[in-house]
Amino acid sequence: MTPSTPPAAQIVCVGSTMVDLISYLERMPAQGETVFGRGFAQGFGGKGANQAVMAALLGSRVVMVNTVATDSFGRDTIENFRSFGIDVEHMAQAPDSYSGVANVMVDPSGDNRIILGAGANELMTLEQVDGAFAANPAPALVLSQLEVPQPIIERGFRHGKDAGAITVLNPGPAAPVAPGLLALTDWLIPNETEFALLFEAEFGRAPEDMTTDGAAFAARLGVRLVITLGEDGANLVHEDGSVQHFPAPVVDAVDTTGAGDAFCGGFAHGLAAGLDPIASIELAVVVSADSVTRRGTQASYARDEALQRLLAEGVAR
């Protein structure tokens, strides 16, 4: 597989920001147990921020809509976006809160457990979203996740639909999605856990087969659906109800934190720039698989010459 990255298009990301505090462990602690870590890293994260950064690395022109605090984490987050060329004119700062924080634990297999403190992410306003779209009235795509309030996402998606943009929702962390928001969503990209929650809410039972149940879910809700499957790749539900599987490149996983966000950012970039869904997923699985070969979240994303080499050659299968 040799994906290509198309020319720049504009994406408005109405999403979250976090500072990641990552501990690397020999094993996860049991209840009430204290364990020693074998490494620590601090970096920039948040599902919205991660997806925005990946899209920007691939060449999209990204506008970030979010609220941070006036603390050092907030100031550093804004400067981090600037370093990637991301538009921060619609980043707000709240003086009486704290910037979002993610406490991440990673075991030797690369699996993780994450605790979020949303902080200022929950203080985003409808007026802030309105202002972002007034200044950027014709985006190709609007991207969001569930780490910010759903009425905020819904307002952004309404602006996007009015402008003829594609709307893409990553429904994570796993939570019920308001019917009004789903009605404005063109593409839904859950992982298996997130899909199971949404499917059970709609059908009253747990999903038994990602292929047939994925097709049934997409048909009932009228959304385009991609289910990410971790190291097994992703499933795309086509408009005719058929399901296409995309295997992930085989890599040695070090840290899976942010891999799903790399996928979503890559997929959003592809769609925004005019690639078809198949080519967009081929791009997404490559950048996602590559990200797990390095520690960190945004720090694990390939860039510059390494990214161009990855896109030219793909990841060894």
Protein backbone atom coordinates (compact mmCIF):
# COMPACT_ATOMS: atom_id res chain seq x y z
CA MET A 1 0.00 0.00 0.00
CA THR A 2 1.45 3.37 -1.03
CA PRO A 3 -0.87 6.19 0.06
CA SER A 4 -0.52 9.70 -1.28
CA THR A 5 -1.42 12.97 0.37
CA PRO A 6 -3.42 15.51 -1.66
CA PRO A 7 -3.25 19.33 -1.69
CA ALA A 8 -4.29 21.51 1.25
CA ALA A 9 -7.93 22.09 2.12
CA GLN A 10 -9.44 23.79 5.14
CA ILE A 11 -10.62 21.85 8.19
CA VAL A 12 -12.31 23.46 11.20
CA CYS A 13 -11.72 21.32 14.29
CA VAL A 14 -14.18 21.99 17.10
CA GLY A 15 -12.36 19.88 19.63
CA SER A 16 -10.43 19.30 22.80
CA THR A 17 -6.94 20.02 24.04
CA MET A 18 -5.09 18.26 26.84
CA VAL A 19 -1.59 18.11 28.22
CA ASP A 20 -0.62 14.44 28.45
CA LEU A 21 1.21 13.21 31.55
CA ILE A 22 2.34 9.74 30.52
CA SER A 23 3.71 7.06 32.86
CA TYR A 24 5.25 3.89 31.43
CA LEU A 25 4.69 0.85 33.68
CA GLU A 26 5.78 -2.78 33.90
CA ARG A 27 2.13 -3.60 34.60
CA MET A 28 -1.07 -1.79 35.50
CA PRO A 29 -1.65 -1.38 39.27
CA ALA A 30 -4.39 -3.32 41.01
CA GLN A 31 -7.01 -1.49 43.05
CA GLY A 32 -5.35 0.27 45.98
CA GLU A 33 -1.85 -0.65 44.78
CA THR A 34 1.09 1.68 44.16
CA VAL A 35 3.62 0.67 41.52
CA PHE A 36 6.84 2.25 40.28
CA GLY A 37 6.94 3.55 36.74
CA ARG A 38 9.81 2.87 34.36
CA GLY A 39 9.54 6.13 32.47
CA PHE A 40 7.62 9.39 32.19
CA ALA A 41 6.87 11.89 29.45
CA GLN A 42 4.87 15.08 29.16
CA GLY A 43 3.40 16.12 25.84
CA PHE A 44 0.50 17.73 24.06
CA GLY A 45 -2.70 15.77 23.52
CA GLY A 46 -6.47 15.85 23.55
CA LYS A 47 -8.40 14.06 20.84
CA GLY A 48 -9.22 17.26 18.99
CA ALA A 49 -5.68 18.58 19.17
CA ASN A 50 -4.16 15.27 18.08
CA GLN A 51 -6.45 14.98 15.07
CA ALA A 52 -5.86 18.61 14.12
CA VAL A 53 -2.09 18.14 14.31
CA MET A 54 -2.12 15.01 12.15
CA ALA A 55 -4.27 16.73 9.52
CA ALA A 56 -1.93 19.73 9.57
CA LEU A 57 1.16 17.54 9.25
CA LEU A 58 -0.40 15.99 6.15
CA GLY A 59 -1.00 19.42 4.65
CA SER A 60 -4.49 20.55 5.65
CA ARG A 61 -5.08 24.15 6.67
CA VAL A 62 -6.57 23.67 10.14
CA VAL A 63 -8.54 26.12 12.28
CA MET A 64 -8.71 25.07 15.95
CA VAL A 65 -11.71 26.06 18.09
CA ASN A 66 -11.15 25.37 21.80
CA THR A 67 -10.79 26.93 25.24
CA VAL A 68 -7.75 26.58 27.49
CA ALA A 69 -6.96 28.26 30.80
CA THR A 70 -4.54 31.12 31.38
CA ASP A 71 -2.09 28.70 33.02
CA SER A 72 1.22 27.57 31.56
CA PHE A 73 -0.36 24.47 30.00
CA GLY A 74 -2.81 26.69 28.13
CA ARG A 75 -0.16 29.08 26.87
CA ASP A 76 2.07 26.21 25.81
CA THR A 77 -0.83 24.50 24.01
CA ILE A 78 -1.47 27.59 21.89
CA GLU A 79 2.21 27.90 21.02
CA ASN A 80 2.30 24.21 20.11
CA PHE A 81 -0.51 24.73 17.60
CA ARG A 82 1.33 27.69 16.12
CA SER A 83 4.39 25.49 15.61
CA PHE A 84 2.29 23.28 13.30
CA GLY A 85 0.82 26.23 11.40
CA ILE A 86 -2.64 25.72 12.95
CA ASP A 87 -4.89 28.81 13.14
CA VAL A 88 -5.42 29.71 16.84
CA GLU A 89 -7.48 32.90 16.36
CA HIS A 90 -10.49 31.10 17.85
CA MET A 91 -8.72 29.60 20.84
CA ALA A 92 -10.13 31.24 24.01
CA GLN A 93 -8.51 31.43 27.45
CA ALA A 94 -10.53 31.08 30.68
CA PRO A 95 -8.93 32.69 33.77
CA ASP A 96 -10.90 30.75 36.38
CA SER A 97 -10.28 27.18 35.23
CA TYR A 98 -7.44 24.81 34.40
CA SER A 99 -6.29 23.55 31.04
CA GLY A 100 -7.29 20.00 30.16
CA VAL A 101 -5.05 17.23 31.47
CA ALA A 102 -4.79 13.54 30.55
CA ASN A 103 -3.09 11.17 32.97
CA VAL A 104 -1.97 8.23 30.83
CA MET A 105 -0.61 4.85 31.95
CA VAL A 106 1.09 2.67 29.32
CA ASP A 107 2.07 -0.99 29.82
CA PRO A 108 4.90 -2.84 27.99
CA SER A 109 2.53 -4.00 25.22
CA GLY A 110 1.68 -0.39 24.40
CA ASP A 111 -1.87 -0.59 25.77
CA ASN A 112 -3.03 2.35 27.85
CA ARG A 113 -5.45 3.59 30.50
CA ILE A 114 -6.36 7.29 30.48
CA ILE A 115 -7.95 9.62 33.05
CA LEU A 116 -9.15 12.97 31.71
CA GLY A 117 -9.58 16.29 33.48
CA ALA A 118 -11.53 18.33 30.93
CA GLY A 119 -11.17 21.68 32.69
CA ALA A 120 -11.48 24.64 30.32
CA ASN A 121 -12.60 22.38 27.46
CA GLU A 122 -16.04 22.46 29.08
CA LEU A 123 -16.15 26.28 28.93
CA MET A 124 -16.32 26.60 25.14
CA THR A 125 -19.19 28.85 24.03
CA LEU A 126 -21.63 28.88 21.13
CA GLU A 127 -20.54 32.45 20.35
CA GLN A 128 -16.95 31.24 20.03
CA VAL A 129 -18.03 28.65 17.47
CA ASP A 130 -20.14 31.19 15.60
CA GLY A 131 -17.15 33.52 15.39
CA ALA A 132 -14.90 30.81 14.01
CA PHE A 133 -17.30 30.07 11.15
CA ALA A 134 -17.98 33.75 10.48
CA ALA A 135 -14.24 34.13 9.89
CA ASN A 136 -13.96 30.82 8.01
CA PRO A 137 -17.26 30.46 6.13
CA ALA A 138 -16.30 27.78 3.61
CA PRO A 139 -14.39 24.88 5.19
CA ALA A 140 -14.13 21.61 3.34
CA LEU A 141 -14.68 19.60 6.53
CA VAL A 142 -15.67 20.04 10.18
CA LEU A 143 -14.11 17.60 12.65
CA SER A 144 -15.01 16.89 16.27
CA GLN A 145 -14.91 14.43 19.17
CA LEU A 146 -16.73 13.97 22.50
CA GLU A 147 -14.22 15.63 24.82
CA VAL A 148 -16.10 18.94 24.46
CA PRO A 149 -19.82 19.61 25.14
CA GLN A 150 -22.15 18.16 22.52
CA PRO A 151 -24.17 21.40 22.02
CA ILE A 152 -20.88 23.04 20.99
CA ILE A 153 -20.20 20.27 18.45
CA GLU A 154 -23.77 20.45 17.17
CA ARG A 155 -23.44 24.20 16.53
CA GLY A 156 -20.21 23.62 14.63
CA PHE A 157 -21.73 20.84 12.55
CA ARG A 158 -24.77 23.00 11.78
CA HIS A 159 -22.48 25.71 10.44
CA GLY A 160 -20.60 23.06 8.48
CA LYS A 161 -23.73 21.62 6.90
CA ASP A 162 -24.95 25.11 6.00
CA ALA A 163 -21.61 25.68 4.24
CA GLY A 164 -21.72 22.36 2.39
CA ALA A 165 -18.83 20.91 4.39
CA ILE A 166 -18.34 17.25 5.31
CA THR A 167 -18.91 16.59 9.03
CA VAL A 168 -16.83 13.92 10.79
CA LEU A 169 -17.44 12.81 14.38
CA ASN A 170 -15.16 10.57 16.39
CA PRO A 171 -17.54 9.56 19.25
CA GLY A 172 -14.83 9.17 21.86
CA PRO A 173 -14.49 8.87 24.73
CA ALA A 174 -17.40 6.41 24.59
CA ALA A 175 -20.66 8.18 25.45
CA PRO A 176 -24.22 8.42 24.13
CA VAL A 177 -24.54 10.85 21.23
CA ALA A 178 -27.49 13.25 21.09
CA PRO A 179 -29.90 12.52 18.21
CA GLY A 180 -29.59 16.09 16.97
CA LEU A 181 -25.83 15.73 16.66
CA LEU A 182 -26.08 12.38 14.89
CA ALA A 183 -28.51 13.92 12.41
CA LEU A 184 -25.83 16.44 11.42
CA THR A 185 -23.04 13.84 11.16
CA ASP A 186 -21.92 12.61 7.75
CA TRP A 187 -19.14 10.29 8.92
CA LEU A 188 -18.97 8.49 12.27
CA ILE A 189 -15.62 6.95 13.28
CA PRO A 190 -15.89 4.93 16.51
CA ASN A 191 -13.54 2.31 17.83
CA GLU A 192 -14.96 -1.05 18.89
CA THR A 193 -15.81 0.09 22.43
CA GLU A 194 -17.48 3.27 21.24
CA PHE A 195 -19.40 1.41 18.54
CA ALA A 196 -20.67 -1.17 21.06
CA LEU A 197 -22.13 1.57 23.26
CA LEU A 198 -23.82 3.34 20.35
CA PHE A 199 -25.13 0.09 18.87
CA GLU A 200 -26.63 -1.08 22.16
CA ALA A 201 -28.34 2.27 22.67
CA GLU A 202 -29.94 1.96 19.24
CA PHE A 203 -30.74 -1.78 19.09
CA GLY A 204 -31.05 -2.76 22.76
CA ARG A 205 -28.38 -5.46 22.56
CA ALA A 206 -24.63 -5.76 22.32
CA PRO A 207 -23.17 -6.09 18.81
CA GLU A 208 -22.24 -9.64 17.85
CA ASP A 209 -20.51 -9.10 14.51
CA MET A 210 -18.75 -5.90 13.46
CA THR A 211 -19.59 -6.53 9.81
CA THR A 212 -23.32 -7.21 9.83
CA ASP A 213 -24.08 -5.08 12.88
CA GLY A 214 -22.01 -2.21 11.50
CA ALA A 215 -24.01 -2.27 8.28
CA ALA A 216 -27.32 -2.39 10.19
CA PHE A 217 -26.29 0.53 12.40
CA ALA A 218 -25.20 2.72 9.48
CA ALA A 219 -28.42 1.99 7.59
CA ARG A 220 -30.68 2.81 10.53
CA LEU A 221 -28.94 6.08 11.41
CA GLY A 222 -28.20 7.19 7.87
CA VAL A 223 -24.51 7.85 8.54
CA ARG A 224 -21.36 6.73 6.78
CA LEU A 225 -19.44 4.52 9.19
CA VAL A 226 -15.82 3.53 9.73
CA ILE A 227 -15.07 1.30 12.74
CA THR A 228 -11.44 1.32 13.82
CA LEU A 229 -10.17 -2.05 15.06
CA GLY A 230 -6.79 -1.25 16.60
CA GLU A 231 -4.07 -3.56 15.31
CA ASP A 232 -6.65 -5.25 13.06
CA GLY A 233 -7.18 -2.12 10.97
CA ALA A 234 -10.61 -0.72 10.12
CA ASN A 235 -13.97 -1.59 8.55
CA LEU A 236 -15.70 0.73 6.08
CA VAL A 237 -19.45 0.39 5.57
CA HIS A 238 -20.23 1.36 1.99
CA GLU A 239 -23.44 3.14 1.02
CA ASP A 240 -24.87 -0.12 -0.38
CA GLY A 241 -24.38 -1.83 3.00
CA SER A 242 -21.35 -3.88 2.01
CA VAL A 243 -18.39 -3.82 4.38
CA GLN A 244 -14.75 -3.53 3.32
CA HIS A 245 -11.93 -4.44 5.70
CA PHE A 246 -8.63 -2.58 5.69
CA PRO A 247 -5.88 -4.50 7.52
CA ALA A 248 -3.36 -2.47 9.47
CA PRO A 249 0.33 -2.67 8.61
CA VAL A 250 2.17 -5.00 10.99
CA VAL A 251 4.45 -3.03 13.31
CA ASP A 252 6.07 -3.42 16.73
CA ALA A 253 3.83 -1.41 19.05
CA VAL A 254 5.51 0.70 21.73
CA ASP A 255 2.70 3.09 22.72
CA THR A 256 -0.81 3.10 21.25
CA THR A 257 -1.76 6.46 22.79
CA GLY A 258 -3.10 8.74 20.06
CA ALA A 259 -3.20 6.10 17.32
CA GLY A 260 -6.95 6.40 16.84
CA ASP A 261 -6.57 10.16 16.62
CA ALA A 262 -3.87 9.77 13.98
CA PHE A 263 -6.35 7.66 12.01
CA CYS A 264 -9.12 10.25 12.32
CA GLY A 265 -6.83 13.13 11.41
CA GLY A 266 -5.50 11.25 8.39
CA PHE A 267 -8.98 10.25 7.27
CA ALA A 268 -10.31 13.80 7.68
CA HIS A 269 -7.39 15.20 5.71
CA GLY A 270 -8.05 12.79 2.86
CA LEU A 271 -11.77 13.55 2.64
CA ALA A 272 -11.24 17.30 2.94
CA ALA A 273 -8.79 17.25 0.06
CA GLY A 274 -11.04 15.24 -2.21
CA LEU A 275 -9.78 11.69 -1.84
CA ASP A 276 -12.46 8.99 -1.90
CA PRO A 277 -13.21 7.08 1.32
CA ILE A 278 -11.05 4.10 0.34
CA ALA A 279 -7.97 6.20 -0.36
CA SER A 280 -8.61 8.22 2.80
CA ILE A 281 -8.68 5.05 4.93
CA GLU A 282 -5.55 3.71 3.25
CA LEU A 283 -3.80 6.91 4.25
CA ALA A 284 -5.26 6.78 7.77
CA VAL A 285 -4.20 3.21 8.57
CA VAL A 286 -0.62 3.94 7.53
CA VAL A 287 -0.15 7.05 9.68
CA SER A 288 -1.98 5.40 12.58
CA ALA A 289 0.10 2.22 12.52
CA ASP A 290 3.31 4.21 12.24
CA SER A 291 2.42 6.29 15.30
CA VAL A 292 2.41 3.30 17.67
CA THR A 293 6.09 2.60 16.94
CA ARG A 294 7.15 5.61 19.04
CA ARG A 295 6.34 6.87 22.52
CA GLY A 296 4.01 9.78 23.13
CA THR A 297 0.94 11.17 21.44
CA GLN A 298 1.58 14.04 19.02
CA ALA A 299 5.28 13.39 19.57
CA SER A 300 4.82 9.96 17.97
CA TYR A 301 3.47 11.35 14.69
CA ALA A 302 5.86 11.26 11.74
CA ARG A 303 6.77 14.64 10.29
CA ASP A 304 8.98 16.35 7.74
CA GLU A 305 11.20 13.92 5.81
CA ALA A 306 10.07 10.92 7.86
CA LEU A 307 6.43 11.63 7.01
CA GLN A 308 7.15 12.06 3.32
CA ARG A 309 9.12 8.80 3.31
CA LEU A 310 6.25 7.04 5.09
CA LEU A 311 3.73 8.30 2.57
CA ALA A 312 5.94 7.36 -0.34
CA GLU A 313 6.79 3.87 0.87
CA GLY A 314 3.99 2.88 3.25
CA VAL A 315 4.69 0.86 6.38
CA ALA A 316 6.30 -2.60 5.93
CA ARG A 317 3.59 -5.23 6.12
